[in-house]
Amino acid sequence: MRKEYDFSNAKRASEVPHLAKLQAENSKTRISIFIDNDILLAFRARAKTGSKGYQTLINETLRGCIENPEPLDEIVRKVLREELHRITNPITE
């Protein structure tokens, strides 16, 4: 194995016909991303209990954030209202 490789003439996947076709078919792109360990462990734990992989769960979570953006202050208000309602109106059995 060489210590160094020359990638100056390398092509992007989109420039190689069969790789471009695969990218178009899958409509997914391989990337490298840093995720906090606790987040990754949580998604992997959820994946073990369900029928989906952890990468699919991460993708679905990100898609939900994009499709239904809700500002953080609105989320906090909603949670506070629910908690205050729960405290002031306890269910009696």
Protein backbone atom coordinates (compact mmCIF):
# COMPACT_ATOMS: atom_id res chain seq x y z
CA MET A 1 0.00 0.00 0.00
CA ARG A 2 1.33 3.42 -0.92
CA LYS A 3 1.89 6.18 1.59
CA GLU A 4 0.31 8.72 -0.76
CA TYR A 5 -2.11 8.54 -3.66
CA ASP A 6 -2.63 11.07 -6.43
CA PHE A 7 -6.30 11.94 -6.85
CA SER A 8 -5.71 14.98 -9.06
CA ASN A 9 -7.32 13.22 -12.07
CA ALA A 10 -10.15 11.64 -10.08
CA LYS A 11 -13.72 12.14 -11.23
CA ARG A 12 -16.79 12.79 -9.12
CA ALA A 13 -19.41 10.04 -8.99
CA SER A 14 -21.77 12.27 -10.99
CA GLU A 15 -19.22 12.29 -13.85
CA VAL A 16 -19.02 8.48 -14.10
CA PRO A 17 -22.12 7.23 -15.98
CA HIS A 18 -22.85 4.04 -14.01
CA LEU A 19 -22.25 5.80 -10.66
CA ALA A 20 -24.38 8.76 -11.72
CA LYS A 21 -27.16 6.33 -12.61
CA LEU A 22 -26.92 4.67 -9.17
CA GLN A 23 -27.09 8.05 -7.46
CA ALA A 24 -30.14 9.02 -9.48
CA GLU A 25 -31.89 5.71 -8.75
CA ASN A 26 -31.22 5.78 -5.03
CA SER A 27 -31.71 9.53 -4.68
CA LYS A 28 -29.31 9.34 -1.76
CA THR A 29 -25.81 10.69 -1.34
CA ARG A 30 -23.06 9.21 0.78
CA ILE A 31 -21.59 11.78 3.16
CA SER A 32 -19.42 11.87 6.24
CA ILE A 33 -20.91 13.58 9.26
CA PHE A 34 -19.99 13.89 12.91
CA ILE A 35 -22.83 13.03 15.32
CA ASP A 36 -22.58 13.09 19.09
CA ASN A 37 -22.06 9.60 20.52
CA ASP A 38 -25.15 9.76 22.74
CA ILE A 39 -27.34 10.67 19.76
CA LEU A 40 -25.96 7.82 17.67
CA LEU A 41 -26.38 5.35 20.53
CA ALA A 42 -29.99 6.46 21.02
CA PHE A 43 -30.83 5.94 17.33
CA ARG A 44 -29.09 2.55 17.31
CA ALA A 45 -31.05 1.50 20.40
CA ARG A 46 -34.32 2.53 18.73
CA ALA A 47 -33.33 0.62 15.61
CA LYS A 48 -32.81 -2.57 17.60
CA THR A 49 -36.37 -2.44 18.93
CA GLY A 50 -37.96 -1.65 15.57
CA SER A 51 -37.82 -2.83 12.00
CA LYS A 52 -35.85 0.11 10.60
CA GLY A 53 -32.14 0.78 10.62
CA TYR A 54 -30.64 3.65 12.59
CA GLN A 55 -29.68 5.55 9.43
CA THR A 56 -33.27 5.39 8.20
CA LEU A 57 -34.47 6.68 11.58
CA ILE A 58 -32.01 9.59 11.45
CA ASN A 59 -33.12 10.38 7.89
CA GLU A 60 -36.81 10.32 8.88
CA THR A 61 -36.13 12.58 11.86
CA LEU A 62 -34.29 15.10 9.70
CA ARG A 63 -37.04 14.98 7.08
CA GLY A 64 -39.63 15.68 9.78
CA CYS A 65 -37.67 18.74 10.90
CA ILE A 66 -37.59 20.05 7.35
CA GLU A 67 -41.22 19.32 6.49
CA ASN A 68 -42.66 20.56 9.79
CA PRO A 69 -40.36 23.27 11.04
CA GLU A 70 -41.50 24.57 14.39
CA PRO A 71 -39.45 27.27 16.11
CA LEU A 72 -37.90 26.21 19.40
CA ASP A 73 -39.75 28.88 21.35
CA GLU A 74 -43.08 27.51 20.09
CA ILE A 75 -42.12 24.00 21.15
CA VAL A 76 -41.16 25.23 24.63
CA ARG A 77 -44.44 27.17 24.96
CA LYS A 78 -46.44 24.11 23.92
CA VAL A 79 -44.68 21.85 26.42
CA LEU A 80 -45.08 24.41 29.21
CA ARG A 81 -48.81 24.81 28.46
CA GLU A 82 -49.31 21.04 28.52
CA GLU A 83 -47.39 20.64 31.78
CA LEU A 84 -49.19 23.55 33.46
CA HIS A 85 -52.52 22.12 32.35
CA ARG A 86 -51.55 18.71 33.70
CA ILE A 87 -50.52 20.18 37.05
CA THR A 88 -53.53 22.45 37.46
CA ASN A 89 -56.04 19.88 36.21
CA PRO A 90 -54.94 16.52 37.65
CA ILE A 91 -56.89 13.48 36.62
CA THR A 92 -58.72 12.01 39.60
CA GLU A 93 -59.66 8.36 39.63
